[in-house]
């Protein structure tokens, strides 16, 4: 049953990431050509500032999910409701603070970007994009926590996929009619808020005992402050680039960074879908204290994950510049063709992706307190190096800062999970990384030294992408089968048993 839920979560999440990636390619391009690079940068910049404000969530979500694993495993309904009631209580309190902070951001943010866009437009955009955060705190937070902890994230993913498609169609319709960016983004954002209706109906049907009005069990989520530290550290690491670029380089450079980040974010989200599907499953195994099963599942998970990373980033490294060239054709208000920027994004993306399995296991185990100092160190490295280098190297300096912090934290997470949670040698993980790195280099070799790509249109890019994907997948899959035949056979047999039992 656990494996079936993993597969459902995985495929639903992959579908969501594919839809999100396609939409994230379409809308920014239209925003840039219709409203300009500065306006496209405005939307991204505001979203990153709002992400910082979400620290008021105070780690409630992560701590609540970790606390729910055991009561869900033993079907302790009283404990489940107590935790969800506490979750709802803390979310409402956080939501009130969030409303105040959004109002303050709406007042002061337009002053930062007044030279590039209309202050009134910036004001309205902050309020519009801040609505979804308010909605989550007051209405749907408890549902998200329950379904994630119960390995039913696929319900969330399916709802989000459908609403995302609908909101994009609405955006395209309004954009073609010539409406302003405020109307386009505002209308699509309002449509996305319908998820509360679907979530409420599903939870009431599948969890008839659900009651968030019982006495809150606040002690059950006492780890929320430790989770908050991780949350703040993640915000600094992943959102600082946009903030620093907005302040020091301007919205046009935010747009350049956004275009490259859009590609790599799509790759990362696709890869992360595998870890998202495993999060609750690892939590379920850990509360049952099944060490052998945990080691076996994590070994297989890492094996598949690193192969997917090798495949995804090899294809991206080869195809990124031709894609950016075609994607930004005709846009001349900013320089988008930057080979060094593309190369740095590839290296940073790989460094970040490698740590995802270990980070997933840490979150599943609820080891927030034990690893919070490490998260703080990463955030300090990232901010300090980025703050200094952005003033000398621009956007590229931001990525060097990210690379420095990822290099530290990735190694640290792999060492921690191997020694503390799994009780295995770190060499097991290192060997998988080295093997897939070699296979990735072999797959990229022909295109680095022998084959010159001549991609001049969307069609030729897609043809090249298909050919390169097939070639890379073959090299990675066959290479793994040659060097680790036993593990590959175990994984394939396990999947076969799951499918045949459906």
Protein backbone atom coordinates (compact mmCIF):
# COMPACT_ATOMS: atom_id res chain seq x y z
CA UNK A 1 0.00 0.00 0.00
CA UNK A 2 2.86 2.35 0.88
CA UNK A 3 4.50 1.80 -2.53
CA UNK A 4 1.22 2.40 -4.37
CA UNK A 5 0.82 5.74 -2.60
CA UNK A 6 4.39 6.63 -3.52
CA UNK A 7 3.68 5.91 -7.19
CA UNK A 8 0.41 7.88 -7.10
CA UNK A 9 2.15 10.83 -5.46
CA UNK A 10 5.06 10.59 -7.86
CA UNK A 11 3.09 10.55 -11.10
CA UNK A 12 0.64 13.20 -9.91
CA UNK A 13 3.52 15.44 -8.85
CA UNK A 14 5.39 14.86 -12.11
CA UNK A 15 2.26 15.81 -14.04
CA UNK A 16 1.92 18.99 -11.97
CA UNK A 17 5.58 19.88 -12.56
CA UNK A 18 5.26 19.29 -16.31
CA UNK A 19 2.18 21.51 -16.49
CA UNK A 20 3.85 24.14 -14.30
CA UNK A 21 7.00 24.07 -16.43
CA UNK A 22 5.05 24.52 -19.67
CA UNK A 23 3.04 27.38 -18.19
CA UNK A 24 6.15 29.00 -16.70
CA UNK A 25 7.68 28.99 -20.17
CA UNK A 26 4.61 30.49 -21.84
CA UNK A 27 3.53 33.28 -19.49
CA UNK A 28 6.90 34.99 -18.81
CA UNK A 29 7.61 35.12 -22.54
CA UNK A 30 4.24 36.80 -23.13
CA UNK A 31 4.77 39.15 -20.18
CA UNK A 32 8.18 40.20 -21.57
CA UNK A 33 6.93 40.78 -25.12
CA UNK A 34 3.71 42.48 -24.02
CA UNK A 35 4.71 44.46 -20.93
CA UNK A 36 8.56 44.43 -21.03
CA UNK A 37 11.34 42.74 -19.05
CA UNK A 38 10.91 45.09 -16.09
CA UNK A 39 7.29 44.03 -15.59
CA UNK A 40 8.22 40.35 -15.86
CA UNK A 41 10.93 40.97 -13.27
CA UNK A 42 8.37 42.78 -11.09
CA UNK A 43 6.13 39.70 -10.80
CA UNK A 44 9.03 37.43 -9.85
CA UNK A 45 10.55 39.95 -7.46
CA UNK A 46 7.29 40.41 -5.54
CA UNK A 47 6.82 36.65 -5.22
CA UNK A 48 10.27 36.35 -3.65
CA UNK A 49 9.62 39.18 -1.18
CA UNK A 50 6.34 37.49 -0.22
CA UNK A 51 8.23 34.24 0.30
CA UNK A 52 10.29 36.00 2.96
CA UNK A 53 7.14 37.13 4.71
CA UNK A 54 6.03 33.51 4.98
CA UNK A 55 8.48 32.98 7.83
CA UNK A 56 5.50 33.90 10.01
CA UNK A 57 4.35 30.33 9.33
CA UNK A 58 6.95 29.58 12.00
CA UNK A 59 7.61 25.98 10.93
CA UNK A 60 4.06 24.91 11.81
CA UNK A 61 3.53 22.92 8.60
CA UNK A 62 6.73 20.86 8.75
CA UNK A 63 6.40 20.19 12.48
CA UNK A 64 2.72 19.21 12.16
CA UNK A 65 3.40 16.79 9.31
CA UNK A 66 6.18 15.11 11.30
CA UNK A 67 3.92 14.92 14.38
CA UNK A 68 1.07 13.31 12.41
CA UNK A 69 3.03 10.31 11.10
CA UNK A 70 2.63 8.18 14.24
CA UNK A 71 -1.07 8.89 15.07
CA UNK A 72 -1.98 8.27 11.41
CA UNK A 73 -0.05 4.98 11.45
CA UNK A 74 -1.99 3.75 14.52
CA UNK A 75 -5.25 5.51 13.56
CA UNK A 76 -5.40 7.57 16.77
CA UNK A 77 -8.24 9.91 15.76
CA UNK A 78 -8.20 11.94 18.96
CA UNK A 79 -4.50 12.67 18.59
CA UNK A 80 -4.92 13.50 14.90
CA UNK A 81 -7.65 16.05 15.60
CA UNK A 82 -5.67 17.55 18.47
CA UNK A 83 -2.64 18.13 16.26
CA UNK A 84 -4.74 19.53 13.38
CA UNK A 85 -6.56 21.84 15.80
CA UNK A 86 -3.20 23.15 17.01
CA UNK A 87 -2.10 23.53 13.39
CA UNK A 88 -5.22 25.57 12.59
CA UNK A 89 -4.70 27.72 15.69
CA UNK A 90 -1.09 28.58 14.87
CA UNK A 91 -1.90 29.13 11.18
CA UNK A 92 -4.61 31.68 12.02
CA UNK A 93 -2.21 33.54 14.28
CA UNK A 94 0.45 33.51 11.58
CA UNK A 95 -2.10 34.63 8.99
CA UNK A 96 -2.95 37.76 10.96
CA UNK A 97 0.71 38.77 11.10
CA UNK A 98 1.11 37.95 7.39
CA UNK A 99 -1.75 40.33 6.47
CA UNK A 100 -0.03 43.18 8.31
CA UNK A 101 3.33 42.44 6.65
CA UNK A 102 1.77 42.29 3.16
CA UNK A 103 0.16 45.68 3.77
CA UNK A 104 3.54 47.13 4.80
CA UNK A 105 5.24 45.57 1.76
CA UNK A 106 2.57 47.08 -0.51
CA UNK A 107 3.44 50.51 0.90
CA UNK A 108 7.26 50.32 0.80
CA UNK A 109 8.04 48.00 -2.16
CA UNK A 110 6.85 50.53 -4.82
CA UNK A 111 9.50 52.94 -3.51
CA UNK A 112 12.25 50.44 -4.44
CA UNK A 113 11.09 49.97 -8.05
CA UNK A 114 9.58 53.41 -8.71
CA UNK A 115 12.18 54.21 -11.42
CA UNK A 116 11.28 51.14 -13.51
CA UNK A 117 7.51 50.57 -13.10
CA UNK A 118 4.49 52.49 -11.93
CA UNK A 119 4.32 52.61 -8.10
CA UNK A 120 0.56 52.07 -8.29
CA UNK A 121 1.04 48.92 -10.39
CA UNK A 122 3.61 47.62 -7.88
CA UNK A 123 1.22 48.38 -5.00
CA UNK A 124 -1.68 46.45 -6.54
CA UNK A 125 0.55 43.52 -7.56
CA UNK A 126 1.82 43.06 -3.98
CA UNK A 127 -1.75 42.93 -2.67
CA UNK A 128 -2.93 40.54 -5.40
CA UNK A 129 -0.03 38.10 -5.07
CA UNK A 130 -0.29 38.22 -1.28
CA UNK A 131 -3.87 36.94 -1.28
CA UNK A 132 -2.92 33.29 -1.81
CA UNK A 133 -0.73 33.34 1.30
CA UNK A 134 -3.56 34.71 3.42
CA UNK A 135 -5.90 32.06 2.03
CA UNK A 136 -3.50 29.28 2.95
CA UNK A 137 -3.08 30.41 6.55
CA UNK A 138 -6.74 30.91 7.39
CA UNK A 139 -8.47 28.18 5.38
CA UNK A 140 -6.50 25.38 3.73
CA UNK A 141 -3.32 24.95 5.81
CA UNK A 142 -4.76 22.17 7.98
CA UNK A 143 -5.96 20.23 4.91
CA UNK A 144 -2.55 20.45 3.25
CA UNK A 145 -0.86 19.14 6.38
CA UNK A 146 -3.27 16.22 6.81
CA UNK A 147 -3.11 14.99 3.21
CA UNK A 148 0.68 15.34 3.03
CA UNK A 149 1.24 13.40 6.26
CA UNK A 150 -1.21 10.68 5.15
CA UNK A 151 0.70 10.12 1.87
CA UNK A 152 -2.18 11.57 -0.16
CA UNK A 153 -0.38 14.51 -1.70
CA UNK A 154 -1.58 13.28 -5.08
CA UNK A 155 -4.99 14.77 -4.26
CA UNK A 156 -3.38 18.19 -3.80
CA UNK A 157 -1.33 17.80 -6.96
CA UNK A 158 -4.34 16.89 -9.09
CA UNK A 159 -6.40 19.83 -7.81
CA UNK A 160 -3.49 22.22 -8.33
CA UNK A 161 -2.89 20.92 -11.86
CA UNK A 162 -6.49 21.45 -12.95
CA UNK A 163 -6.73 24.92 -11.40
CA UNK A 164 -3.36 25.93 -12.84
CA UNK A 165 -4.48 25.02 -16.35
CA UNK A 166 -7.76 26.89 -15.90
CA UNK A 167 -6.06 30.02 -14.51
CA UNK A 168 -3.53 30.03 -17.37
CA UNK A 169 -6.26 29.82 -19.98
CA UNK A 170 -7.94 32.78 -18.29
CA UNK A 171 -4.65 34.73 -18.25
CA UNK A 172 -4.05 34.10 -21.95
CA UNK A 173 -7.61 35.17 -22.78
CA UNK A 174 -7.31 38.43 -20.83
CA UNK A 175 -3.83 39.12 -22.17
CA UNK A 176 -4.95 38.78 -25.79
CA UNK A 177 -7.79 41.23 -25.07
CA UNK A 178 -5.22 43.82 -23.98
CA UNK A 179 -5.88 43.98 -20.26
CA UNK A 180 -3.20 45.29 -17.88
CA UNK A 181 -0.82 43.04 -15.95
CA UNK A 182 -2.77 43.80 -12.77
CA UNK A 183 -6.02 42.46 -14.23
CA UNK A 184 -4.35 39.41 -15.81
CA UNK A 185 -2.47 38.30 -12.69
CA UNK A 186 -5.33 39.27 -10.36
CA UNK A 187 -7.97 37.26 -12.22
CA UNK A 188 -5.83 34.13 -12.51
CA UNK A 189 -4.83 34.36 -8.83
CA UNK A 190 -8.46 34.53 -7.74
CA UNK A 191 -9.28 31.40 -9.76
CA UNK A 192 -6.54 29.44 -7.99
CA UNK A 193 -8.27 30.09 -4.67
CA UNK A 194 -11.01 27.60 -5.58
CA UNK A 195 -8.83 24.80 -4.20
CA UNK A 196 -10.43 25.29 -0.78
CA UNK A 197 -13.78 23.99 -2.09
CA UNK A 198 -12.31 20.76 -3.47
CA UNK A 199 -10.06 20.13 -0.46
CA UNK A 200 -12.86 20.67 2.05
CA UNK A 201 -15.22 18.30 0.24
CA UNK A 202 -12.56 15.59 -0.07
CA UNK A 203 -11.45 15.77 3.57
CA UNK A 204 -15.03 15.71 4.88
CA UNK A 205 -15.74 12.62 2.78
CA UNK A 206 -12.54 10.65 3.45
CA UNK A 207 -11.98 11.75 7.05
CA UNK A 208 -15.47 11.93 8.62
CA UNK A 209 -13.90 12.17 12.08
CA UNK A 210 -11.95 15.32 11.13
CA UNK A 211 -12.57 18.13 13.61
CA UNK A 212 -10.16 21.07 13.94
CA UNK A 213 -12.25 22.67 16.70
CA UNK A 214 -11.25 20.26 19.49
CA UNK A 215 -8.76 21.27 22.17
CA UNK A 216 -5.43 22.06 20.43
CA UNK A 217 -2.55 19.70 21.21
CA UNK A 218 0.12 22.37 20.96
CA UNK A 219 2.78 20.27 22.68
CA UNK A 220 2.71 17.77 19.77
CA UNK A 221 4.19 20.34 17.40
CA UNK A 222 6.79 21.74 19.78
CA UNK A 223 9.42 21.25 17.05
CA UNK A 224 7.93 24.12 15.07
CA UNK A 225 10.56 26.61 16.29
CA UNK A 226 13.38 24.37 15.13
CA UNK A 227 11.55 23.87 11.82
CA UNK A 228 11.22 27.67 11.59
CA UNK A 229 15.00 28.06 11.66
CA UNK A 230 15.25 25.67 8.69
CA UNK A 231 12.51 27.63 6.96
CA UNK A 232 14.32 30.93 7.42
CA UNK A 233 17.60 29.39 6.25
CA UNK A 234 15.87 28.02 3.11
CA UNK A 235 14.37 31.43 2.39
CA UNK A 236 17.78 33.06 2.60
CA UNK A 237 19.36 30.41 0.37
CA UNK A 238 16.69 30.22 -2.33
CA UNK A 239 15.15 33.71 -2.30
CA UNK A 240 18.08 36.00 -1.54
CA UNK A 241 19.19 36.10 -5.22
CA UNK A 242 16.01 37.86 -6.32
CA UNK A 243 16.13 40.32 -3.43
CA UNK A 244 19.77 41.27 -3.99
CA UNK A 245 19.31 41.55 -7.76
CA UNK A 246 16.24 43.78 -7.27
CA UNK A 247 18.17 46.10 -4.94
CA UNK A 248 21.58 46.23 -6.68
CA UNK A 249 20.94 45.42 -10.35
CA UNK A 250 17.31 46.32 -11.15
CA UNK A 251 14.20 44.56 -12.46
CA UNK A 252 15.60 43.92 -15.96
CA UNK A 253 18.35 41.76 -14.44
CA UNK A 254 15.71 40.07 -12.28
CA UNK A 255 13.99 39.13 -15.54
CA UNK A 256 17.24 37.67 -16.95
CA UNK A 257 17.81 35.64 -13.80
CA UNK A 258 14.15 34.57 -13.84
CA UNK A 259 14.36 33.21 -17.40
CA UNK A 260 17.37 31.02 -16.60
CA UNK A 261 15.97 30.10 -13.19
CA UNK A 262 12.68 29.17 -14.84
CA UNK A 263 14.42 26.46 -16.85
CA UNK A 264 16.41 25.09 -13.93
CA UNK A 265 13.49 25.40 -11.56
CA UNK A 266 11.47 23.21 -13.94
CA UNK A 267 14.27 20.62 -13.93
CA UNK A 268 14.59 20.79 -10.14
CA UNK A 269 10.84 20.49 -9.60
CA UNK A 270 10.68 17.49 -11.91
CA UNK A 271 13.54 15.83 -10.04
CA UNK A 272 12.12 16.85 -6.64
CA UNK A 273 8.84 15.12 -7.49
CA UNK A 274 10.61 11.86 -6.62
CA UNK A 275 11.56 13.12 -3.16
CA UNK A 276 8.11 14.60 -2.52
CA UNK A 277 6.54 11.22 -3.22
CA UNK A 278 8.86 9.57 -0.68
CA UNK A 279 8.60 12.11 2.16
CA UNK A 280 5.59 10.68 4.01
CA UNK A 281 6.61 7.10 3.18
CA UNK A 282 9.95 7.55 4.95
CA UNK A 283 8.11 9.11 7.89
CA UNK A 284 5.83 6.08 8.09
CA UNK A 285 8.81 3.69 8.06
CA UNK A 286 10.68 5.71 10.69
CA UNK A 287 7.82 5.77 13.22
CA UNK A 288 7.55 1.99 12.85
CA UNK A 289 11.30 1.76 13.54
CA UNK A 290 11.87 -0.55 10.59
CA UNK A 291 15.59 0.13 10.05
CA UNK A 292 16.25 -2.57 7.44
CA UNK A 293 13.28 -1.50 5.32
CA UNK A 294 14.38 2.13 5.59
CA UNK A 295 17.91 1.36 4.41
CA UNK A 296 16.64 -0.71 1.49
CA UNK A 297 14.05 1.87 0.37
CA UNK A 298 16.49 4.75 0.70
CA UNK A 299 19.19 2.86 -1.20
CA UNK A 300 16.79 2.26 -4.10
CA UNK A 301 15.46 5.81 -3.89
CA UNK A 302 18.96 7.31 -4.10
CA UNK A 303 19.83 5.06 -6.99
CA UNK A 304 16.84 6.16 -9.08
CA UNK A 305 17.18 9.78 -7.98
CA UNK A 306 20.84 10.23 -8.94
CA UNK A 307 20.18 8.59 -12.31
CA UNK A 308 17.34 11.07 -12.91
CA UNK A 309 19.64 13.95 -11.90
CA UNK A 310 22.30 12.75 -14.35
CA UNK A 311 19.72 12.51 -17.13
CA UNK A 312 18.00 15.83 -16.38
CA UNK A 313 21.06 18.02 -16.03
CA UNK A 314 22.98 16.48 -18.94
CA UNK A 315 20.10 17.30 -21.28
CA UNK A 316 19.75 20.76 -19.74
CA UNK A 317 23.45 21.58 -20.09
CA UNK A 318 23.38 20.73 -23.79
CA UNK A 319 20.07 22.42 -24.64
CA UNK A 320 19.93 25.48 -22.36
CA UNK A 321 21.60 28.14 -24.54
CA UNK A 322 19.76 27.20 -27.77
CA UNK A 323 16.52 27.33 -25.80
CA UNK A 324 17.26 30.76 -24.26
CA UNK A 325 18.24 32.09 -27.69
CA UNK A 326 14.93 31.02 -29.23
CA UNK A 327 12.87 31.93 -26.15
CA UNK A 328 14.15 35.52 -25.94
CA UNK A 329 14.29 36.22 -29.68
CA UNK A 330 13.08 39.75 -30.36
CA UNK A 331 13.52 40.92 -26.75
CA UNK A 332 16.26 43.55 -26.76
CA UNK A 333 15.78 45.45 -23.49
CA UNK A 334 18.14 43.08 -21.63
CA UNK A 335 21.03 40.72 -22.47
CA UNK A 336 19.77 37.15 -22.06
CA UNK A 337 22.48 35.17 -23.92
CA UNK A 338 25.17 34.50 -21.29
CA UNK A 339 27.15 31.23 -21.59
CA UNK A 340 28.89 31.65 -18.21
CA UNK A 341 25.57 32.24 -16.50
CA UNK A 342 24.17 29.07 -18.10
CA UNK A 343 27.23 27.04 -17.02
CA UNK A 344 26.99 28.31 -13.43
CA UNK A 345 23.28 27.49 -13.30
CA UNK A 346 24.06 23.89 -14.35
CA UNK A 347 26.74 23.44 -11.67
CA UNK A 348 24.60 25.07 -8.96
CA UNK A 349 21.57 23.00 -9.98
CA UNK A 350 23.52 19.75 -9.70
CA UNK A 351 25.01 20.72 -6.32
CA UNK A 352 21.52 21.47 -5.02
CA UNK A 353 19.89 18.35 -6.48
CA UNK A 354 22.44 15.94 -5.02
CA UNK A 355 21.40 16.80 -1.47
CA UNK A 356 17.65 16.32 -1.99
CA UNK A 357 17.49 12.62 -0.93
CA UNK A 358 19.38 13.30 2.31
CA UNK A 359 17.33 16.43 3.01
CA UNK A 360 14.11 14.47 2.43
CA UNK A 361 15.18 11.89 5.01
CA UNK A 362 16.07 14.56 7.58
CA UNK A 363 12.63 16.16 7.17
CA UNK A 364 10.88 12.78 7.38
CA UNK A 365 12.73 11.98 10.60
CA UNK A 366 11.85 15.40 12.05
CA UNK A 367 15.52 16.14 12.83
CA UNK A 368 14.99 19.89 12.78
CA UNK A 369 16.70 20.66 16.09
CA UNK A 370 19.67 18.40 15.42
CA UNK A 371 20.49 20.08 12.07
CA UNK A 372 19.43 23.72 12.59
CA UNK A 373 22.98 25.03 13.18
CA UNK A 374 24.07 23.49 9.89
CA UNK A 375 21.19 25.21 8.09
CA UNK A 376 22.16 28.55 9.65
CA UNK A 377 25.78 28.15 8.50
CA UNK A 378 24.60 27.49 4.94
CA UNK A 379 22.41 30.60 4.96
CA UNK A 380 25.25 32.78 6.30
CA UNK A 381 27.68 31.51 3.64
CA UNK A 382 25.12 32.08 0.89
CA UNK A 383 24.16 35.60 1.93
CA UNK A 384 27.67 36.89 2.72
CA UNK A 385 29.33 35.61 -0.46
CA UNK A 386 26.38 36.66 -2.66
CA UNK A 387 26.19 40.13 -1.06
CA UNK A 388 29.86 40.80 -1.79
CA UNK A 389 30.11 39.25 -5.26
CA UNK A 390 26.86 40.66 -6.71
CA UNK A 391 28.47 44.11 -6.58
CA UNK A 392 31.50 42.99 -8.64
CA UNK A 393 30.25 40.11 -10.81
CA UNK A 394 26.53 40.85 -11.03
CA UNK A 395 24.16 37.89 -11.43
CA UNK A 396 27.07 35.48 -11.83
CA UNK A 397 28.31 36.49 -8.36
CA UNK A 398 24.96 35.46 -6.89
CA UNK A 399 25.37 31.96 -8.33
CA UNK A 400 28.92 31.64 -7.00
CA UNK A 401 27.53 32.47 -3.55
CA UNK A 402 24.89 29.78 -3.95
CA UNK A 403 27.50 27.26 -5.07
CA UNK A 404 29.66 27.91 -2.00
CA UNK A 405 26.74 27.31 0.37
CA UNK A 406 25.48 24.24 -1.52
CA UNK A 407 28.95 22.67 -1.51
CA UNK A 408 29.02 22.86 2.29
CA UNK A 409 25.43 21.80 2.99
CA UNK A 410 25.26 18.97 0.46
CA UNK A 411 28.33 17.27 1.94
CA UNK A 412 27.04 17.88 5.46
CA UNK A 413 23.59 16.38 4.77
CA UNK A 414 24.99 13.26 3.13
CA UNK A 415 27.36 12.69 6.08
CA UNK A 416 24.61 13.31 8.65
CA UNK A 417 22.02 10.96 7.16
CA UNK A 418 24.57 8.21 6.58
CA UNK A 419 25.95 8.28 10.11
CA UNK A 420 22.98 9.34 12.26
CA UNK A 421 19.80 8.11 10.55
CA UNK A 422 20.83 5.20 8.33
CA UNK A 423 23.91 3.92 10.21
CA UNK A 424 25.65 3.16 6.92
CA UNK A 425 28.88 4.23 5.25
CA UNK A 426 28.86 7.50 3.34
CA UNK A 427 30.79 5.72 0.59
CA UNK A 428 27.55 4.01 -0.50
CA UNK A 429 26.09 7.37 -1.54
CA UNK A 430 29.37 8.74 -2.92
CA UNK A 431 29.74 5.74 -5.25
CA UNK A 432 26.28 6.36 -6.72
CA UNK A 433 27.10 10.03 -7.29
CA UNK A 434 30.44 9.25 -8.94
CA UNK A 435 28.94 6.56 -11.19
CA UNK A 436 26.17 8.80 -12.47
CA UNK A 437 28.57 11.73 -12.88
CA UNK A 438 30.76 9.58 -15.14
CA UNK A 439 27.72 8.41 -17.12
CA UNK A 440 26.53 12.02 -17.50
CA UNK A 441 29.94 13.03 -18.86
CA UNK A 442 29.94 10.11 -21.32
CA UNK A 443 26.46 11.13 -22.55
CA UNK A 444 27.52 14.77 -22.99
CA UNK A 445 30.90 13.95 -24.58
CA UNK A 446 29.75 13.74 -28.24
CA UNK A 447 28.07 17.15 -28.03
CA UNK A 448 31.06 18.76 -26.32
CA UNK A 449 33.68 17.70 -28.88
CA UNK A 450 32.18 16.09 -31.98
CA UNK A 451 28.58 17.16 -32.70
CA UNK A 452 27.74 20.81 -33.30
CA UNK A 453 24.07 21.62 -32.85
CA UNK A 454 22.39 23.95 -35.36
CA UNK A 455 19.14 24.86 -33.66
CA UNK A 456 17.34 27.83 -35.23
CA UNK A 457 13.65 27.19 -34.48
CA UNK A 458 11.30 25.72 -31.89
CA UNK A 459 10.75 22.64 -34.05
CA UNK A 460 14.47 21.90 -34.48
CA UNK A 461 14.96 22.42 -30.74
CA UNK A 462 12.26 19.86 -29.92
CA UNK A 463 13.72 17.34 -32.38
CA UNK A 464 17.17 17.84 -30.85
CA UNK A 465 15.73 17.58 -27.34
CA UNK A 466 14.06 14.24 -28.13
CA UNK A 467 17.22 12.78 -29.69
CA UNK A 468 19.47 14.00 -26.86
CA UNK A 469 17.01 12.75 -24.22
CA UNK A 470 16.83 9.28 -25.75
CA UNK A 471 20.62 9.09 -26.06
CA UNK A 472 21.23 10.32 -22.49
CA UNK A 473 18.57 8.05 -21.00
CA UNK A 474 20.08 5.06 -22.77
CA UNK A 475 23.60 5.80 -21.55
CA UNK A 476 22.49 6.41 -17.95
CA UNK A 477 20.15 3.41 -17.76
CA UNK A 478 22.48 0.92 -19.49
CA UNK A 479 25.47 2.22 -17.51
CA UNK A 480 23.68 1.74 -14.20
CA UNK A 481 22.56 -1.73 -15.23
CA UNK A 482 26.11 -2.71 -16.18
CA UNK A 483 27.75 -1.47 -12.97
CA UNK A 484 24.92 -2.21 -10.49
CA UNK A 485 22.92 -5.09 -12.00
CA UNK A 486 21.64 -6.49 -8.69
CA UNK A 487 20.22 -3.17 -7.47
CA UNK A 488 18.63 -2.40 -10.84
CA UNK A 489 17.00 -5.83 -10.96
CA UNK A 490 15.65 -5.40 -7.41
CA UNK A 491 14.12 -2.06 -8.32
CA UNK A 492 12.54 -3.37 -11.53
CA UNK A 493 11.17 -6.48 -9.80
CA UNK A 494 9.70 -4.35 -7.01
CA UNK A 495 7.96 -2.09 -9.52
CA UNK A 496 6.70 -5.10 -11.43
CA UNK A 497 5.15 -6.58 -8.26
CA UNK A 498 3.42 -3.30 -7.45
CA UNK A 499 1.98 -2.94 -10.95
CA UNK A 500 0.82 -6.55 -11.09
CA UNK A 501 -0.98 -6.15 -7.73
CA UNK A 502 -3.00 -3.12 -8.89
